[in-house]
């Protein structure tokens, strides 16, 4: 028996918008429910950096550099800072160059 019906896509879209997750993650949350361990991992991995908009670019780049060294992906870091992955990549590169100099 499948839980997928004609309204399931709408529910997944709402989950994606309200929980700020991508389509694959929204489908998993819909399938398993919010209390399931898979769903909990999805919710736990979402990062948010407090006061990112008030940080100076150099400090933000240094934090992005540390996060990347800890194993976070460019997409995860860009979501945490609410910017594009290309911005993250550029600021990480500048931070790396400062540390090497």
PDB file of N, CA and C in Angstrom:
ATOM      1  N   UNK A   1       0.838  -1.177   0.000  1.00  0.00           N
ATOM      2  CA  UNK A   1       0.000   0.000   0.000  1.00  0.00           C
ATOM      3  C   UNK A   1       0.888   1.248   0.000  1.00  0.00           C
ATOM      4  N   UNK A   2       0.659   2.128  -0.926  1.00  0.00           N
ATOM      5  CA  UNK A   2       1.467   3.326  -1.063  1.00  0.00           C
ATOM      6  C   UNK A   2       0.771   4.520  -0.413  1.00  0.00           C
ATOM      7  N   UNK A   3       1.556   5.372   0.231  1.00  0.00           N
ATOM      8  CA  UNK A   3       0.982   6.569   0.846  1.00  0.00           C
ATOM      9  C   UNK A   3       0.909   7.712  -0.161  1.00  0.00           C
ATOM     10  N   UNK A   4       1.457   7.504  -1.347  1.00  0.00           N
ATOM     11  CA  UNK A   4       1.500   8.552  -2.347  1.00  0.00           C
ATOM     12  C   UNK A   4       0.153   8.639  -3.050  1.00  0.00           C
ATOM     13  N   UNK A   5      -0.445   9.827  -3.066  1.00  0.00           N
ATOM     14  CA  UNK A   5      -1.696  10.031  -3.786  1.00  0.00           C
ATOM     15  C   UNK A   5      -1.608  11.346  -4.551  1.00  0.00           C
ATOM     16  N   UNK A   6      -2.712  11.801  -5.102  1.00  0.00           N
ATOM     17  CA  UNK A   6      -2.675  13.000  -5.948  1.00  0.00           C
ATOM     18  C   UNK A   6      -2.316  14.274  -5.190  1.00  0.00           C
ATOM     19  N   UNK A   7      -2.506  14.305  -3.899  1.00  0.00           N
ATOM     20  CA  UNK A   7      -2.164  15.488  -3.102  1.00  0.00           C
ATOM     21  C   UNK A   7      -0.756  15.433  -2.512  1.00  0.00           C
ATOM     22  N   UNK A   8      -0.086  14.322  -2.631  1.00  0.00           N
ATOM     23  CA  UNK A   8       1.225  14.155  -1.995  1.00  0.00           C
ATOM     24  C   UNK A   8       2.253  15.174  -2.484  1.00  0.00           C
ATOM     25  N   UNK A   9       2.231  15.492  -3.757  1.00  0.00           N
ATOM     26  CA  UNK A   9       3.169  16.465  -4.299  1.00  0.00           C
ATOM     27  C   UNK A   9       2.994  17.836  -3.665  1.00  0.00           C
ATOM     28  N   UNK A  10       1.744  18.210  -3.411  1.00  0.00           N
ATOM     29  CA  UNK A  10       1.474  19.496  -2.766  1.00  0.00           C
ATOM     30  C   UNK A  10       2.000  19.509  -1.332  1.00  0.00           C
ATOM     31  N   UNK A  11       1.809  18.400  -0.625  1.00  0.00           N
ATOM     32  CA  UNK A  11       2.311  18.316   0.743  1.00  0.00           C
ATOM     33  C   UNK A  11       3.840  18.402   0.769  1.00  0.00           C
ATOM     34  N   UNK A  12       4.478  17.712  -0.176  1.00  0.00           N
ATOM     35  CA  UNK A  12       5.942  17.760  -0.245  1.00  0.00           C
ATOM     36  C   UNK A  12       6.430  19.171  -0.545  1.00  0.00           C
ATOM     37  N   UNK A  13       5.711  19.877  -1.412  1.00  0.00           N
ATOM     38  CA  UNK A  13       6.079  21.250  -1.724  1.00  0.00           C
ATOM     39  C   UNK A  13       5.963  22.130  -0.481  1.00  0.00           C
ATOM     40  N   UNK A  14       4.906  21.958   0.275  1.00  0.00           N
ATOM     41  CA  UNK A  14       4.743  22.723   1.513  1.00  0.00           C
ATOM     42  C   UNK A  14       5.848  22.393   2.516  1.00  0.00           C
ATOM     43  N   UNK A  15       6.160  21.117   2.648  1.00  0.00           N
ATOM     44  CA  UNK A  15       7.241  20.710   3.551  1.00  0.00           C
ATOM     45  C   UNK A  15       8.551  21.360   3.121  1.00  0.00           C
ATOM     46  N   UNK A  16       8.837  21.324   1.814  1.00  0.00           N
ATOM     47  CA  UNK A  16      10.082  21.904   1.308  1.00  0.00           C
ATOM     48  C   UNK A  16      10.164  23.402   1.605  1.00  0.00           C
ATOM     49  N   UNK A  17       9.048  24.107   1.423  1.00  0.00           N
ATOM     50  CA  UNK A  17       9.042  25.556   1.642  1.00  0.00           C
ATOM     51  C   UNK A  17       9.147  25.880   3.132  1.00  0.00           C
ATOM     52  N   UNK A  18       8.313  25.248   3.936  1.00  0.00           N
ATOM     53  CA  UNK A  18       8.251  25.592   5.355  1.00  0.00           C
ATOM     54  C   UNK A  18       9.471  25.122   6.143  1.00  0.00           C
ATOM     55  N   UNK A  19      10.024  23.985   5.754  1.00  0.00           N
ATOM     56  CA  UNK A  19      11.174  23.433   6.485  1.00  0.00           C
ATOM     57  C   UNK A  19      12.505  23.801   5.844  1.00  0.00           C
ATOM     58  N   UNK A  20      12.450  24.514   4.717  1.00  0.00           N
ATOM     59  CA  UNK A  20      13.658  24.913   3.994  1.00  0.00           C
ATOM     60  C   UNK A  20      14.546  23.714   3.669  1.00  0.00           C
ATOM     61  N   UNK A  21      13.932  22.694   3.044  1.00  0.00           N
ATOM     62  CA  UNK A  21      14.653  21.505   2.615  1.00  0.00           C
ATOM     63  C   UNK A  21      14.474  21.345   1.117  1.00  0.00           C
ATOM     64  N   UNK A  22      15.298  20.478   0.498  1.00  0.00           N
ATOM     65  CA  UNK A  22      15.133  20.250  -0.930  1.00  0.00           C
ATOM     66  C   UNK A  22      14.068  19.188  -1.183  1.00  0.00           C
ATOM     67  N   UNK A  23      13.810  18.898  -2.449  1.00  0.00           N
ATOM     68  CA  UNK A  23      12.715  18.005  -2.832  1.00  0.00           C
ATOM     69  C   UNK A  23      12.914  16.599  -2.280  1.00  0.00           C
ATOM     70  N   UNK A  24      14.112  16.075  -2.397  1.00  0.00           N
ATOM     71  CA  UNK A  24      14.392  14.715  -1.917  1.00  0.00           C
ATOM     72  C   UNK A  24      14.162  14.616  -0.419  1.00  0.00           C
ATOM     73  N   UNK A  25      14.640  15.611   0.311  1.00  0.00           N
ATOM     74  CA  UNK A  25      14.457  15.609   1.761  1.00  0.00           C
ATOM     75  C   UNK A  25      12.984  15.763   2.126  1.00  0.00           C
ATOM     76  N   UNK A  26      12.251  16.596   1.387  1.00  0.00           N
ATOM     77  CA  UNK A  26      10.816  16.766   1.643  1.00  0.00           C
ATOM     78  C   UNK A  26      10.052  15.462   1.429  1.00  0.00           C
ATOM     79  N   UNK A  27      10.429  14.727   0.399  1.00  0.00           N
ATOM     80  CA  UNK A  27       9.769  13.433   0.150  1.00  0.00           C
ATOM     81  C   UNK A  27      10.037  12.447   1.284  1.00  0.00           C
ATOM     82  N   UNK A  28      11.249  12.435   1.784  1.00  0.00           N
ATOM     83  CA  UNK A  28      11.581  11.540   2.899  1.00  0.00           C
ATOM     84  C   UNK A  28      10.818  11.920   4.163  1.00  0.00           C
ATOM     85  N   UNK A  29      10.726  13.214   4.439  1.00  0.00           N
ATOM     86  CA  UNK A  29       9.975  13.671   5.616  1.00  0.00           C
ATOM     87  C   UNK A  29       8.510  13.301   5.469  1.00  0.00           C
ATOM     88  N   UNK A  30       7.952  13.466   4.276  1.00  0.00           N
ATOM     89  CA  UNK A  30       6.550  13.110   4.026  1.00  0.00           C
ATOM     90  C   UNK A  30       6.333  11.606   4.192  1.00  0.00           C
ATOM     91  N   UNK A  31       7.275  10.833   3.665  1.00  0.00           N
ATOM     92  CA  UNK A  31       7.144   9.372   3.706  1.00  0.00           C
ATOM     93  C   UNK A  31       7.240   8.833   5.131  1.00  0.00           C
ATOM     94  N   UNK A  32       8.210   9.313   5.899  1.00  0.00           N
ATOM     95  CA  UNK A  32       8.476   8.737   7.211  1.00  0.00           C
ATOM     96  C   UNK A  32       7.848   9.503   8.378  1.00  0.00           C
ATOM     97  N   UNK A  33       7.515  10.767   8.174  1.00  0.00           N
ATOM     98  CA  UNK A  33       6.972  11.576   9.263  1.00  0.00           C
ATOM     99  C   UNK A  33       8.076  12.340   9.973  1.00  0.00           C
ATOM    100  N   UNK A  34       7.723  13.402  10.677  1.00  0.00           N
ATOM    101  CA  UNK A  34       8.743  14.271  11.279  1.00  0.00           C
ATOM    102  C   UNK A  34       9.498  13.657  12.450  1.00  0.00           C
ATOM    103  N   UNK A  35       8.954  12.631  13.101  1.00  0.00           N
ATOM    104  CA  UNK A  35       9.621  12.044  14.259  1.00  0.00           C
ATOM    105  C   UNK A  35      10.568  10.911  13.929  1.00  0.00           C
ATOM    106  N   UNK A  36      10.578  10.453  12.698  1.00  0.00           N
ATOM    107  CA  UNK A  36      11.420   9.325  12.284  1.00  0.00           C
ATOM    108  C   UNK A  36      12.895   9.740  12.309  1.00  0.00           C
ATOM    109  N   UNK A  37      13.804   8.800  12.627  1.00  0.00           N
ATOM    110  CA  UNK A  37      15.233   9.137  12.680  1.00  0.00           C
ATOM    111  C   UNK A  37      15.785   9.745  11.389  1.00  0.00           C
ATOM    112  N   UNK A  38      15.284   9.303  10.239  1.00  0.00           N
ATOM    113  CA  UNK A  38      15.737   9.880   8.965  1.00  0.00           C
ATOM    114  C   UNK A  38      15.359  11.359   8.911  1.00  0.00           C
ATOM    115  N   UNK A  39      14.124  11.659   9.289  1.00  0.00           N
ATOM    116  CA  UNK A  39      13.660  13.049   9.288  1.00  0.00           C
ATOM    117  C   UNK A  39      14.419  13.882  10.310  1.00  0.00           C
ATOM    118  N   UNK A  40      14.691  13.314  11.477  1.00  0.00           N
ATOM    119  CA  UNK A  40      15.426  14.032  12.516  1.00  0.00           C
ATOM    120  C   UNK A  40      16.821  14.419  12.022  1.00  0.00           C
ATOM    121  N   UNK A  41      17.478  13.502  11.286  1.00  0.00           N
ATOM    122  CA  UNK A  41      18.809  13.810  10.744  1.00  0.00           C
ATOM    123  C   UNK A  41      18.736  14.966   9.746  1.00  0.00           C
ATOM    124  N   UNK A  42      17.669  14.984   8.941  1.00  0.00           N
ATOM    125  CA  UNK A  42      17.498  16.076   7.975  1.00  0.00           C
ATOM    126  C   UNK A  42      17.361  17.402   8.711  1.00  0.00           C
ATOM    127  N   UNK A  43      16.541  17.428   9.751  1.00  0.00           N
ATOM    128  CA  UNK A  43      16.340  18.660  10.509  1.00  0.00           C
ATOM    129  C   UNK A  43      17.603  19.069  11.260  1.00  0.00           C
ATOM    130  N   UNK A  44      18.338  18.104  11.773  1.00  0.00           N
ATOM    131  CA  UNK A  44      19.536  18.403  12.559  1.00  0.00           C
ATOM    132  C   UNK A  44      20.675  18.959  11.714  1.00  0.00           C
ATOM    133  N   UNK A  45      20.756  18.572  10.436  1.00  0.00           N
ATOM    134  CA  UNK A  45      21.886  18.998   9.615  1.00  0.00           C
ATOM    135  C   UNK A  45      21.740  20.417   9.083  1.00  0.00           C
ATOM    136  N   UNK A  46      20.561  21.005   9.200  1.00  0.00           N
ATOM    137  CA  UNK A  46      20.357  22.358   8.705  1.00  0.00           C
ATOM    138  C   UNK A  46      21.086  23.351   9.604  1.00  0.00           C
ATOM    139  N   UNK A  47      22.010  24.054   9.033  1.00  0.00           N
ATOM    140  CA  UNK A  47      22.829  25.017   9.768  1.00  0.00           C
ATOM    141  C   UNK A  47      22.304  26.426   9.563  1.00  0.00           C
ATOM    142  N   UNK A  48      22.424  27.223  10.566  1.00  0.00           N
ATOM    143  CA  UNK A  48      22.156  28.648  10.447  1.00  0.00           C
ATOM    144  C   UNK A  48      23.194  29.379  11.278  1.00  0.00           C
ATOM    145  N   UNK A  49      23.823  30.356  10.696  1.00  0.00           N
ATOM    146  CA  UNK A  49      24.815  31.156  11.395  1.00  0.00           C
ATOM    147  C   UNK A  49      24.129  32.437  11.849  1.00  0.00           C
ATOM    148  N   UNK A  50      24.150  32.653  13.146  1.00  0.00           N
ATOM    149  CA  UNK A  50      23.523  33.848  13.717  1.00  0.00           C
ATOM    150  C   UNK A  50      24.297  35.103  13.325  1.00  0.00           C
ATOM    151  N   UNK A  51      23.601  36.153  12.995  1.00  0.00           N
ATOM    152  CA  UNK A  51      24.173  37.461  12.664  1.00  0.00           C
ATOM    153  C   UNK A  51      25.137  37.420  11.484  1.00  0.00           C
ATOM    154  N   UNK A  52      24.911  36.510  10.548  1.00  0.00           N
ATOM    155  CA  UNK A  52      25.793  36.421   9.383  1.00  0.00           C
ATOM    156  C   UNK A  52      25.758  37.696   8.561  1.00  0.00           C
ATOM    157  N   UNK A  53      24.584  38.348   8.509  1.00  0.00           N
ATOM    158  CA  UNK A  53      24.472  39.576   7.707  1.00  0.00           C
ATOM    159  C   UNK A  53      25.239  40.742   8.325  1.00  0.00           C
ATOM    160  N   UNK A  54      25.567  40.658   9.615  1.00  0.00           N
ATOM    161  CA  UNK A  54      26.310  41.731  10.288  1.00  0.00           C
ATOM    162  C   UNK A  54      27.809  41.469  10.359  1.00  0.00           C
ATOM    163  N   UNK A  55      28.249  40.301   9.900  1.00  0.00           N
ATOM    164  CA  UNK A  55      29.670  39.959   9.954  1.00  0.00           C
ATOM    165  C   UNK A  55      30.432  40.669   8.840  1.00  0.00           C
ATOM    166  N   UNK A  56      31.681  40.963   9.105  1.00  0.00           N
ATOM    167  CA  UNK A  56      32.547  41.491   8.059  1.00  0.00           C
ATOM    168  C   UNK A  56      32.914  40.349   7.115  1.00  0.00           C
ATOM    169  N   UNK A  57      33.225  40.713   5.875  1.00  0.00           N
ATOM    170  CA  UNK A  57      33.509  39.698   4.863  1.00  0.00           C
ATOM    171  C   UNK A  57      34.699  38.818   5.248  1.00  0.00           C
ATOM    172  N   UNK A  58      35.713  39.409   5.835  1.00  0.00           N
ATOM    173  CA  UNK A  58      36.897  38.632   6.211  1.00  0.00           C
ATOM    174  C   UNK A  58      36.564  37.621   7.308  1.00  0.00           C
ATOM    175  N   UNK A  59      35.815  38.036   8.319  1.00  0.00           N
ATOM    176  CA  UNK A  59      35.417  37.128   9.392  1.00  0.00           C
ATOM    177  C   UNK A  59      34.501  36.030   8.860  1.00  0.00           C
ATOM    178  N   UNK A  60      33.613  36.407   7.955  1.00  0.00           N
ATOM    179  CA  UNK A  60      32.718  35.425   7.358  1.00  0.00           C
ATOM    180  C   UNK A  60      33.516  34.404   6.538  1.00  0.00           C
ATOM    181  N   UNK A  61      34.487  34.891   5.790  1.00  0.00           N
ATOM    182  CA  UNK A  61      35.329  33.998   4.997  1.00  0.00           C
ATOM    183  C   UNK A  61      36.118  33.040   5.869  1.00  0.00           C
ATOM    184  N   UNK A  62      36.639  33.543   6.990  1.00  0.00           N
ATOM    185  CA  UNK A  62      37.379  32.685   7.909  1.00  0.00           C
ATOM    186  C   UNK A  62      36.486  31.596   8.502  1.00  0.00           C
ATOM    187  N   UNK A  63      35.251  31.969   8.845  1.00  0.00           N
ATOM    188  CA  UNK A  63      34.312  30.988   9.393  1.00  0.00           C
ATOM    189  C   UNK A  63      33.939  29.949   8.332  1.00  0.00           C
ATOM    190  N   UNK A  64      33.723  30.404   7.112  1.00  0.00           N
ATOM    191  CA  UNK A  64      33.417  29.479   6.011  1.00  0.00           C
ATOM    192  C   UNK A  64      34.579  28.518   5.780  1.00  0.00           C
ATOM    193  N   UNK A  65      35.802  29.039   5.849  1.00  0.00           N
ATOM    194  CA  UNK A  65      37.000  28.224   5.671  1.00  0.00           C
ATOM    195  C   UNK A  65      37.067  27.134   6.746  1.00  0.00           C
ATOM    196  N   UNK A  66      36.810  27.516   8.010  1.00  0.00           N
ATOM    197  CA  UNK A  66      36.832  26.532   9.100  1.00  0.00           C
ATOM    198  C   UNK A  66      35.742  25.472   8.917  1.00  0.00           C
ATOM    199  N   UNK A  67      34.564  25.919   8.505  1.00  0.00           N
ATOM    200  CA  UNK A  67      33.456  24.973   8.303  1.00  0.00           C
ATOM    201  C   UNK A  67      33.789  23.987   7.184  1.00  0.00           C
ATOM    202  N   UNK A  68      34.415  24.479   6.128  1.00  0.00           N
ATOM    203  CA  UNK A  68      34.784  23.605   5.005  1.00  0.00           C
ATOM    204  C   UNK A  68      35.821  22.582   5.462  1.00  0.00           C
ATOM    205  N   UNK A  69      36.772  23.019   6.282  1.00  0.00           N
ATOM    206  CA  UNK A  69      37.787  22.097   6.800  1.00  0.00           C
ATOM    207  C   UNK A  69      37.172  21.055   7.730  1.00  0.00           C
ATOM    208  N   UNK A  70      36.046  21.408   8.374  1.00  0.00           N
ATOM    209  CA  UNK A  70      35.347  20.459   9.245  1.00  0.00           C
ATOM    210  C   UNK A  70      34.524  19.452   8.455  1.00  0.00           C
ATOM    211  N   UNK A  71      34.394  19.663   7.142  1.00  0.00           N
ATOM    212  CA  UNK A  71      33.724  18.683   6.308  1.00  0.00           C
ATOM    213  C   UNK A  71      32.363  19.085   5.759  1.00  0.00           C
ATOM    214  N   UNK A  72      31.944  20.314   6.011  1.00  0.00           N
ATOM    215  CA  UNK A  72      30.667  20.775   5.457  1.00  0.00           C
ATOM    216  C   UNK A  72      30.816  21.020   3.959  1.00  0.00           C
ATOM    217  N   UNK A  73      29.757  20.760   3.212  1.00  0.00           N
ATOM    218  CA  UNK A  73      29.775  20.988   1.772  1.00  0.00           C
ATOM    219  C   UNK A  73      29.557  22.470   1.491  1.00  0.00           C
ATOM    220  N   UNK A  74      29.885  22.869   0.258  1.00  0.00           N
ATOM    221  CA  UNK A  74      29.665  24.259  -0.137  1.00  0.00           C
ATOM    222  C   UNK A  74      28.187  24.615  -0.036  1.00  0.00           C
ATOM    223  N   UNK A  75      27.324  23.683  -0.400  1.00  0.00           N
ATOM    224  CA  UNK A  75      25.881  23.937  -0.338  1.00  0.00           C
ATOM    225  C   UNK A  75      25.405  24.131   1.105  1.00  0.00           C
ATOM    226  N   UNK A  76      25.894  23.307   2.016  1.00  0.00           N
ATOM    227  CA  UNK A  76      25.515  23.452   3.419  1.00  0.00           C
ATOM    228  C   UNK A  76      25.971  24.795   3.977  1.00  0.00           C
ATOM    229  N   UNK A  77      27.191  25.186   3.630  1.00  0.00           N
ATOM    230  CA  UNK A  77      27.716  26.466   4.108  1.00  0.00           C
ATOM    231  C   UNK A  77      26.937  27.622   3.491  1.00  0.00           C
ATOM    232  N   UNK A  78      26.637  27.518   2.202  1.00  0.00           N
ATOM    233  CA  UNK A  78      25.878  28.596   1.556  1.00  0.00           C
ATOM    234  C   UNK A  78      24.483  28.719   2.145  1.00  0.00           C
ATOM    235  N   UNK A  79      23.866  27.607   2.516  1.00  0.00           N
ATOM    236  CA  UNK A  79      22.563  27.655   3.177  1.00  0.00           C
ATOM    237  C   UNK A  79      22.668  28.310   4.554  1.00  0.00           C
ATOM    238  N   UNK A  80      23.743  28.018   5.263  1.00  0.00           N
ATOM    239  CA  UNK A  80      23.928  28.577   6.604  1.00  0.00           C
ATOM    240  C   UNK A  80      24.105  30.090   6.554  1.00  0.00           C
ATOM    241  N   UNK A  81      24.776  30.584   5.516  1.00  0.00           N
ATOM    242  CA  UNK A  81      25.030  32.020   5.388  1.00  0.00           C
ATOM    243  C   UNK A  81      24.044  32.709   4.459  1.00  0.00           C
ATOM    244  N   UNK A  82      23.135  31.940   3.877  1.00  0.00           N
ATOM    245  CA  UNK A  82      22.121  32.477   2.964  1.00  0.00           C
ATOM    246  C   UNK A  82      22.768  33.230   1.804  1.00  0.00           C
ATOM    247  N   UNK A  83      23.683  32.519   1.115  1.00  0.00           N
ATOM    248  CA  UNK A  83      24.339  33.103  -0.058  1.00  0.00           C
ATOM    249  C   UNK A  83      24.544  31.991  -1.085  1.00  0.00           C
ATOM    250  N   UNK A  84      25.137  32.332  -2.206  1.00  0.00           N
ATOM    251  CA  UNK A  84      25.374  31.360  -3.263  1.00  0.00           C
ATOM    252  C   UNK A  84      26.627  30.532  -2.969  1.00  0.00           C
ATOM    253  N   UNK A  85      26.659  29.267  -3.433  1.00  0.00           N
ATOM    254  CA  UNK A  85      27.868  28.453  -3.259  1.00  0.00           C
ATOM    255  C   UNK A  85      29.105  29.095  -3.890  1.00  0.00           C
ATOM    256  N   UNK A  86      28.925  29.836  -4.979  1.00  0.00           N
ATOM    257  CA  UNK A  86      30.073  30.502  -5.603  1.00  0.00           C
ATOM    258  C   UNK A  86      30.660  31.571  -4.679  1.00  0.00           C
ATOM    259  N   UNK A  87      29.804  32.231  -3.914  1.00  0.00           N
ATOM    260  CA  UNK A  87      30.281  33.220  -2.934  1.00  0.00           C
ATOM    261  C   UNK A  87      31.094  32.535  -1.850  1.00  0.00           C
ATOM    262  N   UNK A  88      30.602  31.396  -1.384  1.00  0.00           N
ATOM    263  CA  UNK A  88      31.311  30.620  -0.366  1.00  0.00           C
ATOM    264  C   UNK A  88      32.679  30.200  -0.886  1.00  0.00           C
ATOM    265  N   UNK A  89      32.703  29.676  -2.094  1.00  0.00           N
ATOM    266  CA  UNK A  89      33.951  29.204  -2.694  1.00  0.00           C
ATOM    267  C   UNK A  89      34.962  30.348  -2.807  1.00  0.00           C
ATOM    268  N   UNK A  90      34.500  31.521  -3.244  1.00  0.00           N
ATOM    269  CA  UNK A  90      35.374  32.679  -3.404  1.00  0.00           C
ATOM    270  C   UNK A  90      35.920  33.149  -2.052  1.00  0.00           C
ATOM    271  N   UNK A  91      35.063  33.211  -1.044  1.00  0.00           N
ATOM    272  CA  UNK A  91      35.514  33.687   0.281  1.00  0.00           C
ATOM    273  C   UNK A  91      36.435  32.680   0.956  1.00  0.00           C
ATOM    274  N   UNK A  92      36.181  31.391   0.733  1.00  0.00           N
ATOM    275  CA  UNK A  92      37.071  30.355   1.277  1.00  0.00           C
ATOM    276  C   UNK A  92      38.456  30.477   0.635  1.00  0.00           C
ATOM    277  N   UNK A  93      38.480  30.704  -0.666  1.00  0.00           N
ATOM    278  CA  UNK A  93      39.760  30.845  -1.372  1.00  0.00           C
ATOM    279  C   UNK A  93      40.539  32.059  -0.852  1.00  0.00           C
ATOM    280  N   UNK A  94      39.847  33.176  -0.619  1.00  0.00           N
ATOM    281  CA  UNK A  94      40.508  34.362  -0.078  1.00  0.00           C
ATOM    282  C   UNK A  94      41.037  34.103   1.330  1.00  0.00           C
ATOM    283  N   UNK A  95      40.261  33.393   2.154  1.00  0.00           N
ATOM    284  CA  UNK A  95      40.695  33.065   3.522  1.00  0.00           C
ATOM    285  C   UNK A  95      41.907  32.145   3.471  1.00  0.00           C
ATOM    286  N   UNK A  96      41.912  31.190   2.564  1.00  0.00           N
ATOM    287  CA  UNK A  96      43.044  30.273   2.416  1.00  0.00           C
ATOM    288  C   UNK A  96      44.289  31.046   2.019  1.00  0.00           C
ATOM    289  N   UNK A  97      44.154  31.968   1.088  1.00  0.00           N
ATOM    290  CA  UNK A  97      45.305  32.777   0.663  1.00  0.00           C
ATOM    291  C   UNK A  97      45.845  33.643   1.800  1.00  0.00           C
ATOM    292  N   UNK A  98      44.963  34.183   2.629  1.00  0.00           N
ATOM    293  CA  UNK A  98      45.406  34.990   3.783  1.00  0.00           C
ATOM    294  C   UNK A  98      46.177  34.124   4.773  1.00  0.00           C
ATOM    295  N   UNK A  99      45.723  32.898   4.987  1.00  0.00           N
ATOM    296  CA  UNK A  99      46.392  32.013   5.956  1.00  0.00           C
ATOM    297  C   UNK A  99      47.757  31.576   5.435  1.00  0.00           C
ATOM    298  N   UNK A 100      47.877  31.404   4.118  1.00  0.00           N
ATOM    299  CA  UNK A 100      49.150  30.986   3.541  1.00  0.00           C
ATOM    300  C   UNK A 100      50.165  32.123   3.497  1.00  0.00           C
ATOM    301  N   UNK A 101      49.679  33.360   3.463  1.00  0.00           N
ATOM    302  CA  UNK A 101      50.581  34.529   3.362  1.00  0.00           C
ATOM    303  C   UNK A 101      51.231  34.867   4.685  1.00  0.00           C
TER     304      UNK A 101
END
